[in-house]
PDB file of N, CA and C in Angstrom:
ATOM      1  N   MET A   1       3.864  10.638   2.722  1.00  0.00           N
ATOM      2  CA  MET A   1       3.725  10.978   1.324  1.00  0.00           C
ATOM      3  C   MET A   1       4.477  12.276   1.069  1.00  0.00           C
ATOM      4  N   ALA A   2       5.220  12.303   0.003  1.00  0.00           N
ATOM      5  CA  ALA A   2       6.007  13.490  -0.333  1.00  0.00           C
ATOM      6  C   ALA A   2       5.178  14.473  -1.160  1.00  0.00           C
ATOM      7  N   ILE A   3       5.493  15.733  -1.000  1.00  0.00           N
ATOM      8  CA  ILE A   3       4.910  16.753  -1.862  1.00  0.00           C
ATOM      9  C   ILE A   3       6.057  17.390  -2.642  1.00  0.00           C
ATOM     10  N   THR A   4       5.735  17.901  -3.801  1.00  0.00           N
ATOM     11  CA  THR A   4       6.743  18.504  -4.670  1.00  0.00           C
ATOM     12  C   THR A   4       6.469  19.992  -4.793  1.00  0.00           C
ATOM     13  N   THR A   5       7.541  20.768  -4.774  1.00  0.00           N
ATOM     14  CA  THR A   5       7.411  22.209  -4.943  1.00  0.00           C
ATOM     15  C   THR A   5       8.591  22.723  -5.757  1.00  0.00           C
ATOM     16  N   THR A   6       8.523  23.973  -6.098  1.00  0.00           N
ATOM     17  CA  THR A   6       9.624  24.605  -6.824  1.00  0.00           C
ATOM     18  C   THR A   6      10.500  25.368  -5.836  1.00  0.00           C
ATOM     19  N   TYR A   7      11.691  25.668  -6.281  1.00  0.00           N
ATOM     20  CA  TYR A   7      12.614  26.440  -5.459  1.00  0.00           C
ATOM     21  C   TYR A   7      12.014  27.802  -5.117  1.00  0.00           C
ATOM     22  N   THR A   8      11.378  28.428  -6.086  1.00  0.00           N
ATOM     23  CA  THR A   8      10.781  29.753  -5.872  1.00  0.00           C
ATOM     24  C   THR A   8       9.678  29.695  -4.823  1.00  0.00           C
ATOM     25  N   LYS A   9       8.801  28.692  -4.938  1.00  0.00           N
ATOM     26  CA  LYS A   9       7.709  28.553  -3.969  1.00  0.00           C
ATOM     27  C   LYS A   9       8.266  28.233  -2.576  1.00  0.00           C
ATOM     28  N   LEU A  10       9.329  27.433  -2.528  1.00  0.00           N
ATOM     29  CA  LEU A  10       9.958  27.117  -1.241  1.00  0.00           C
ATOM     30  C   LEU A  10      10.480  28.382  -0.572  1.00  0.00           C
ATOM     31  N   ARG A  11      11.166  29.222  -1.339  1.00  0.00           N
ATOM     32  CA  ARG A  11      11.690  30.476  -0.775  1.00  0.00           C
ATOM     33  C   ARG A  11      10.567  31.339  -0.224  1.00  0.00           C
ATOM     34  N   THR A  12       9.481  31.421  -0.953  1.00  0.00           N
ATOM     35  CA  THR A  12       8.362  32.271  -0.550  1.00  0.00           C
ATOM     36  C   THR A  12       7.664  31.750   0.702  1.00  0.00           C
ATOM     37  N   HIS A  13       7.569  30.424   0.829  1.00  0.00           N
ATOM     38  CA  HIS A  13       6.805  29.814   1.927  1.00  0.00           C
ATOM     39  C   HIS A  13       7.686  28.912   2.793  1.00  0.00           C
ATOM     40  N   LEU A  14       8.932  29.298   2.990  1.00  0.00           N
ATOM     41  CA  LEU A  14       9.889  28.446   3.691  1.00  0.00           C
ATOM     42  C   LEU A  14       9.388  28.006   5.060  1.00  0.00           C
ATOM     43  N   ALA A  15       8.882  28.922   5.863  1.00  0.00           N
ATOM     44  CA  ALA A  15       8.431  28.574   7.214  1.00  0.00           C
ATOM     45  C   ALA A  15       7.337  27.512   7.179  1.00  0.00           C
ATOM     46  N   SER A  16       6.404  27.644   6.261  1.00  0.00           N
ATOM     47  CA  SER A  16       5.313  26.664   6.154  1.00  0.00           C
ATOM     48  C   SER A  16       5.840  25.283   5.781  1.00  0.00           C
ATOM     49  N   PHE A  17       6.754  25.242   4.818  1.00  0.00           N
ATOM     50  CA  PHE A  17       7.321  23.957   4.411  1.00  0.00           C
ATOM     51  C   PHE A  17       8.137  23.335   5.542  1.00  0.00           C
ATOM     52  N   LEU A  18       8.906  24.152   6.250  1.00  0.00           N
ATOM     53  CA  LEU A  18       9.691  23.623   7.362  1.00  0.00           C
ATOM     54  C   LEU A  18       8.790  23.100   8.471  1.00  0.00           C
ATOM     55  N   ASP A  19       7.652  23.754   8.699  1.00  0.00           N
ATOM     56  CA  ASP A  19       6.692  23.256   9.688  1.00  0.00           C
ATOM     57  C   ASP A  19       6.142  21.893   9.276  1.00  0.00           C
ATOM     58  N   LEU A  20       5.791  21.743   8.006  1.00  0.00           N
ATOM     59  CA  LEU A  20       5.290  20.454   7.515  1.00  0.00           C
ATOM     60  C   LEU A  20       6.319  19.348   7.723  1.00  0.00           C
ATOM     61  N   VAL A  21       7.555  19.651   7.376  1.00  0.00           N
ATOM     62  CA  VAL A  21       8.627  18.665   7.499  1.00  0.00           C
ATOM     63  C   VAL A  21       8.953  18.416   8.967  1.00  0.00           C
ATOM     64  N   GLY A  22       9.092  19.481   9.730  1.00  0.00           N
ATOM     65  CA  GLY A  22       9.476  19.363  11.137  1.00  0.00           C
ATOM     66  C   GLY A  22       8.463  18.620  11.977  1.00  0.00           C
ATOM     67  N   ASN A  23       7.191  18.725  11.623  1.00  0.00           N
ATOM     68  CA  ASN A  23       6.142  18.014  12.357  1.00  0.00           C
ATOM     69  C   ASN A  23       6.006  16.568  11.900  1.00  0.00           C
ATOM     70  N   GLY A  24       6.859  16.164  10.982  1.00  0.00           N
ATOM     71  CA  GLY A  24       6.842  14.791  10.498  1.00  0.00           C
ATOM     72  C   GLY A  24       5.668  14.476   9.592  1.00  0.00           C
ATOM     73  N   GLN A  25       5.017  15.501   9.084  1.00  0.00           N
ATOM     74  CA  GLN A  25       3.837  15.278   8.250  1.00  0.00           C
ATOM     75  C   GLN A  25       4.192  14.994   6.800  1.00  0.00           C
ATOM     76  N   ARG A  26       5.276  15.556   6.323  1.00  0.00           N
ATOM     77  CA  ARG A  26       5.598  15.451   4.897  1.00  0.00           C
ATOM     78  C   ARG A  26       7.101  15.438   4.655  1.00  0.00           C
ATOM     79  N   ILE A  27       7.453  14.892   3.505  1.00  0.00           N
ATOM     80  CA  ILE A  27       8.772  15.074   2.914  1.00  0.00           C
ATOM     81  C   ILE A  27       8.531  16.001   1.735  1.00  0.00           C
ATOM     82  N   VAL A  28       9.389  16.977   1.551  1.00  0.00           N
ATOM     83  CA  VAL A  28       9.215  17.947   0.469  1.00  0.00           C
ATOM     84  C   VAL A  28      10.324  17.745  -0.558  1.00  0.00           C
ATOM     85  N   ILE A  29       9.930  17.511  -1.799  1.00  0.00           N
ATOM     86  CA  ILE A  29      10.870  17.408  -2.913  1.00  0.00           C
ATOM     87  C   ILE A  29      10.911  18.775  -3.583  1.00  0.00           C
ATOM     88  N   VAL A  30      12.116  19.332  -3.713  1.00  0.00           N
ATOM     89  CA  VAL A  30      12.271  20.666  -4.293  1.00  0.00           C
ATOM     90  C   VAL A  30      12.899  20.536  -5.672  1.00  0.00           C
ATOM     91  N   LYS A  31      12.204  21.056  -6.665  1.00  0.00           N
ATOM     92  CA  LYS A  31      12.704  21.051  -8.040  1.00  0.00           C
ATOM     93  C   LYS A  31      13.273  22.428  -8.348  1.00  0.00           C
ATOM     94  N   HIS A  32      14.468  22.432  -8.919  1.00  0.00           N
ATOM     95  CA  HIS A  32      15.127  23.685  -9.277  1.00  0.00           C
ATOM     96  C   HIS A  32      15.679  23.511 -10.677  1.00  0.00           C
ATOM     97  N   ARG A  33      15.225  24.333 -11.572  1.00  0.00           N
ATOM     98  CA  ARG A  33      15.616  24.220 -12.975  1.00  0.00           C
ATOM     99  C   ARG A  33      17.133  24.154 -13.135  1.00  0.00           C
ATOM    100  N   GLY A  34      17.571  23.185 -13.902  1.00  0.00           N
ATOM    101  CA  GLY A  34      18.992  23.078 -14.208  1.00  0.00           C
ATOM    102  C   GLY A  34      19.818  22.357 -13.153  1.00  0.00           C
ATOM    103  N   THR A  35      19.192  21.936 -12.059  1.00  0.00           N
ATOM    104  CA  THR A  35      19.927  21.205 -11.020  1.00  0.00           C
ATOM    105  C   THR A  35      19.135  19.961 -10.634  1.00  0.00           C
ATOM    106  N   LYS A  36      19.754  19.101  -9.868  1.00  0.00           N
ATOM    107  CA  LYS A  36      19.077  17.899  -9.393  1.00  0.00           C
ATOM    108  C   LYS A  36      18.073  18.269  -8.310  1.00  0.00           C
ATOM    109  N   ASP A  37      17.005  17.473  -8.218  1.00  0.00           N
ATOM    110  CA  ASP A  37      16.018  17.670  -7.163  1.00  0.00           C
ATOM    111  C   ASP A  37      16.661  17.381  -5.808  1.00  0.00           C
ATOM    112  N   VAL A  38      16.166  18.046  -4.776  1.00  0.00           N
ATOM    113  CA  VAL A  38      16.614  17.784  -3.409  1.00  0.00           C
ATOM    114  C   VAL A  38      15.385  17.494  -2.555  1.00  0.00           C
ATOM    115  N   ALA A  39      15.612  16.893  -1.390  1.00  0.00           N
ATOM    116  CA  ALA A  39      14.504  16.556  -0.500  1.00  0.00           C
ATOM    117  C   ALA A  39      14.734  17.164   0.872  1.00  0.00           C
ATOM    118  N   LEU A  40      13.661  17.635   1.460  1.00  0.00           N
ATOM    119  CA  LEU A  40      13.667  18.085   2.848  1.00  0.00           C
ATOM    120  C   LEU A  40      12.944  17.014   3.655  1.00  0.00           C
ATOM    121  N   LEU A  41      13.597  16.484   4.678  1.00  0.00           N
ATOM    122  CA  LEU A  41      12.966  15.501   5.538  1.00  0.00           C
ATOM    123  C   LEU A  41      13.444  15.717   6.961  1.00  0.00           C
ATOM    124  N   PRO A  42      12.683  15.233   7.942  1.00  0.00           N
ATOM    125  CA  PRO A  42      13.086  15.427   9.330  1.00  0.00           C
ATOM    126  C   PRO A  42      14.468  14.812   9.598  1.00  0.00           C
ATOM    127  N   ALA A  43      15.262  15.488  10.405  1.00  0.00           N
ATOM    128  CA  ALA A  43      16.615  15.014  10.720  1.00  0.00           C
ATOM    129  C   ALA A  43      16.578  13.624  11.340  1.00  0.00           C
ATOM    130  N   LYS A  44      15.568  13.352  12.158  1.00  0.00           N
ATOM    131  CA  LYS A  44      15.442  12.039  12.796  1.00  0.00           C
ATOM    132  C   LYS A  44      15.249  10.947  11.743  1.00  0.00           C
ATOM    133  N   ASP A  45      14.450  11.229  10.718  1.00  0.00           N
ATOM    134  CA  ASP A  45      14.248  10.265   9.633  1.00  0.00           C
ATOM    135  C   ASP A  45      15.546  10.028   8.873  1.00  0.00           C
ATOM    136  N   LEU A  46      16.277  11.088   8.598  1.00  0.00           N
ATOM    137  CA  LEU A  46      17.553  10.961   7.900  1.00  0.00           C
ATOM    138  C   LEU A  46      18.519  10.122   8.721  1.00  0.00           C
ATOM    139  N   SER A  47      18.570  10.383  10.009  1.00  0.00           N
ATOM    140  CA  SER A  47      19.450   9.619  10.892  1.00  0.00           C
ATOM    141  C   SER A  47      19.093   8.134  10.855  1.00  0.00           C
ATOM    142  N   GLY A  48      17.803   7.833  10.898  1.00  0.00           N
ATOM    143  CA  GLY A  48      17.355   6.446  10.838  1.00  0.00           C
ATOM    144  C   GLY A  48      17.717   5.780   9.521  1.00  0.00           C
ATOM    145  N   LEU A  49      17.549   6.501   8.426  1.00  0.00           N
ATOM    146  CA  LEU A  49      17.902   5.957   7.113  1.00  0.00           C
ATOM    147  C   LEU A  49      19.401   5.683   7.004  1.00  0.00           C
ATOM    148  N   LEU A  50      20.203   6.611   7.504  1.00  0.00           N
ATOM    149  CA  LEU A  50      21.657   6.428   7.452  1.00  0.00           C
ATOM    150  C   LEU A  50      22.096   5.260   8.324  1.00  0.00           C
ATOM    151  N   GLU A  51      21.465   5.090   9.477  1.00  0.00           N
ATOM    152  CA  GLU A  51      21.781   3.964  10.363  1.00  0.00           C
ATOM    153  C   GLU A  51      21.416   2.642   9.688  1.00  0.00           C
ATOM    154  N   THR A  52      20.249   2.596   9.064  1.00  0.00           N
ATOM    155  CA  THR A  52      19.825   1.388   8.349  1.00  0.00           C
ATOM    156  C   THR A  52      20.791   1.072   7.216  1.00  0.00           C
ATOM    157  N   LEU A  53      21.169   2.076   6.463  1.00  0.00           N
ATOM    158  CA  LEU A  53      22.130   1.889   5.377  1.00  0.00           C
ATOM    159  C   LEU A  53      23.442   1.329   5.912  1.00  0.00           C
ATOM    160  N   HIS A  54      23.906   1.875   7.014  1.00  0.00           N
ATOM    161  CA  HIS A  54      25.153   1.403   7.628  1.00  0.00           C
ATOM    162  C   HIS A  54      25.033  -0.066   8.039  1.00  0.00           C
ATOM    163  N   LEU A  55      23.910  -0.425   8.664  1.00  0.00           N
ATOM    164  CA  LEU A  55      23.727  -1.797   9.139  1.00  0.00           C
ATOM    165  C   LEU A  55      23.601  -2.793   7.993  1.00  0.00           C
ATOM    166  N   LEU A  56      23.026  -2.371   6.884  1.00  0.00           N
ATOM    167  CA  LEU A  56      22.815  -3.278   5.761  1.00  0.00           C
ATOM    168  C   LEU A  56      23.969  -3.281   4.765  1.00  0.00           C
ATOM    169  N   ARG A  57      24.950  -2.424   4.967  1.00  0.00           N
ATOM    170  CA  ARG A  57      26.075  -2.333   4.030  1.00  0.00           C
ATOM    171  C   ARG A  57      26.851  -3.649   3.961  1.00  0.00           C
ATOM    172  N   SER A  58      27.039  -4.288   5.098  1.00  0.00           N
ATOM    173  CA  SER A  58      27.741  -5.570   5.140  1.00  0.00           C
ATOM    174  C   SER A  58      26.747  -6.683   4.789  1.00  0.00           C
ATOM    175  N   HIS A  59      27.076  -7.503   3.794  1.00  0.00           N
ATOM    176  CA  HIS A  59      26.178  -8.586   3.387  1.00  0.00           C
ATOM    177  C   HIS A  59      25.941  -9.558   4.542  1.00  0.00           C
ATOM    178  N   LYS A  60      26.985  -9.828   5.298  1.00  0.00           N
ATOM    179  CA  LYS A  60      26.868 -10.761   6.420  1.00  0.00           C
ATOM    180  C   LYS A  60      25.909 -10.200   7.472  1.00  0.00           C
ATOM    181  N   ASN A  61      26.066  -8.945   7.804  1.00  0.00           N
ATOM    182  CA  ASN A  61      25.194  -8.318   8.799  1.00  0.00           C
ATOM    183  C   ASN A  61      23.760  -8.212   8.276  1.00  0.00           C
ATOM    184  N   ALA A  62      23.602  -7.885   7.008  1.00  0.00           N
ATOM    185  CA  ALA A  62      22.264  -7.791   6.414  1.00  0.00           C
ATOM    186  C   ALA A  62      21.554  -9.137   6.493  1.00  0.00           C
ATOM    187  N   ARG A  63      22.267 -10.217   6.199  1.00  0.00           N
ATOM    188  CA  ARG A  63      21.684 -11.559   6.289  1.00  0.00           C
ATOM    189  C   ARG A  63      21.238 -11.859   7.715  1.00  0.00           C
ATOM    190  N   ARG A  64      22.090 -11.532   8.685  1.00  0.00           N
ATOM    191  CA  ARG A  64      21.740 -11.769  10.097  1.00  0.00           C
ATOM    192  C   ARG A  64      20.490 -10.996  10.493  1.00  0.00           C
ATOM    193  N   LEU A  65      20.438  -9.729  10.117  1.00  0.00           N
ATOM    194  CA  LEU A  65      19.290  -8.895  10.480  1.00  0.00           C
ATOM    195  C   LEU A  65      18.002  -9.398   9.833  1.00  0.00           C
ATOM    196  N   LEU A  66      18.064  -9.761   8.566  1.00  0.00           N
ATOM    197  CA  LEU A  66      16.864 -10.249   7.878  1.00  0.00           C
ATOM    198  C   LEU A  66      16.414 -11.598   8.428  1.00  0.00           C
ATOM    199  N   THR A  67      17.362 -12.455   8.789  1.00  0.00           N
ATOM    200  CA  THR A  67      17.018 -13.733   9.408  1.00  0.00           C
ATOM    201  C   THR A  67      16.323 -13.502  10.743  1.00  0.00           C
ATOM    202  N   ALA A  68      16.861 -12.601  11.547  1.00  0.00           N
ATOM    203  CA  ALA A  68      16.248 -12.292  12.844  1.00  0.00           C
ATOM    204  C   ALA A  68      14.859 -11.687  12.664  1.00  0.00           C
ATOM    205  N   LEU A  69      14.706 -10.829  11.683  1.00  0.00           N
ATOM    206  CA  LEU A  69      13.404 -10.217  11.412  1.00  0.00           C
ATOM    207  C   LEU A  69      12.388 -11.273  10.989  1.00  0.00           C
ATOM    208  N   ASN A  70      12.793 -12.183  10.122  1.00  0.00           N
ATOM    209  CA  ASN A  70      11.901 -13.266   9.699  1.00  0.00           C
ATOM    210  C   ASN A  70      11.517 -14.156  10.871  1.00  0.00           C
ATOM    211  N   ARG A  71      12.472 -14.463  11.725  1.00  0.00           N
ATOM    212  CA  ARG A  71      12.211 -15.285  12.905  1.00  0.00           C
ATOM    213  C   ARG A  71      11.212 -14.590  13.828  1.00  0.00           C
ATOM    214  N   ALA A  72      11.415 -13.314  14.065  1.00  0.00           N
ATOM    215  CA  ALA A  72      10.515 -12.554  14.934  1.00  0.00           C
ATOM    216  C   ALA A  72       9.113 -12.481  14.341  1.00  0.00           C
ATOM    217  N   THR A  73       9.021 -12.345  13.039  1.00  0.00           N
ATOM    218  CA  THR A  73       7.719 -12.288  12.373  1.00  0.00           C
ATOM    219  C   THR A  73       6.994 -13.623  12.494  1.00  0.00           C
ATOM    220  N   ARG A  74       7.719 -14.727  12.333  1.00  0.00           N
ATOM    221  CA  ARG A  74       7.101 -16.052  12.466  1.00  0.00           C
ATOM    222  C   ARG A  74       6.590 -16.271  13.882  1.00  0.00           C
ATOM    223  N   VAL A  75       7.374 -15.889  14.884  1.00  0.00           N
ATOM    224  CA  VAL A  75       6.966 -16.047  16.284  1.00  0.00           C
ATOM    225  C   VAL A  75       5.718 -15.222  16.557  1.00  0.00           C
ATOM    226  N   LYS A  76       5.673 -14.021  16.038  1.00  0.00           N
ATOM    227  CA  LYS A  76       4.522 -13.138  16.235  1.00  0.00           C
ATOM    228  C   LYS A  76       3.262 -13.754  15.629  1.00  0.00           C
ATOM    229  N   ARG A  77       3.396 -14.354  14.452  1.00  0.00           N
ATOM    230  CA  ARG A  77       2.241 -14.977  13.788  1.00  0.00           C
ATOM    231  C   ARG A  77       1.734 -16.178  14.575  1.00  0.00           C
ATOM    232  N   LYS A  78       2.648 -16.960  15.147  1.00  0.00           N
ATOM    233  CA  LYS A  78       2.255 -18.145  15.913  1.00  0.00           C
ATOM    234  C   LYS A  78       1.482 -17.773  17.169  1.00  0.00           C
ATOM    235  N   LYS A  79       1.797 -16.619  17.758  1.00  0.00           N
ATOM    236  CA  LYS A  79       1.132 -16.189  18.989  1.00  0.00           C
ATOM    237  C   LYS A  79      -0.306 -15.763  18.749  1.00  0.00           C
ATOM    238  N   ARG A  80      -0.662 -15.438  17.524  1.00  0.00           N
ATOM    239  CA  ARG A  80      -2.034 -14.979  17.214  1.00  0.00           C
ATOM    240  C   ARG A  80      -2.985 -16.084  17.224  1.00  0.00           C
TER     241      ARG A  80
END
């Protein structure tokens, strides 16, 4: 679950916010007047999101991955 803060509050409590994010407990959305919001998230999560985006960018590859996922889910259900 993400929490939202202001740029000013982030500056004041930067270490605390970085601890929350670094421990994988939270994503922090930072609002700054006059600019777009930004998000702080663990680097590992960002890496995973970028990898997923890369894999799903190709329609052909996305179809293959979703088919395999559906197949694996069906097999898992049958074993129960």
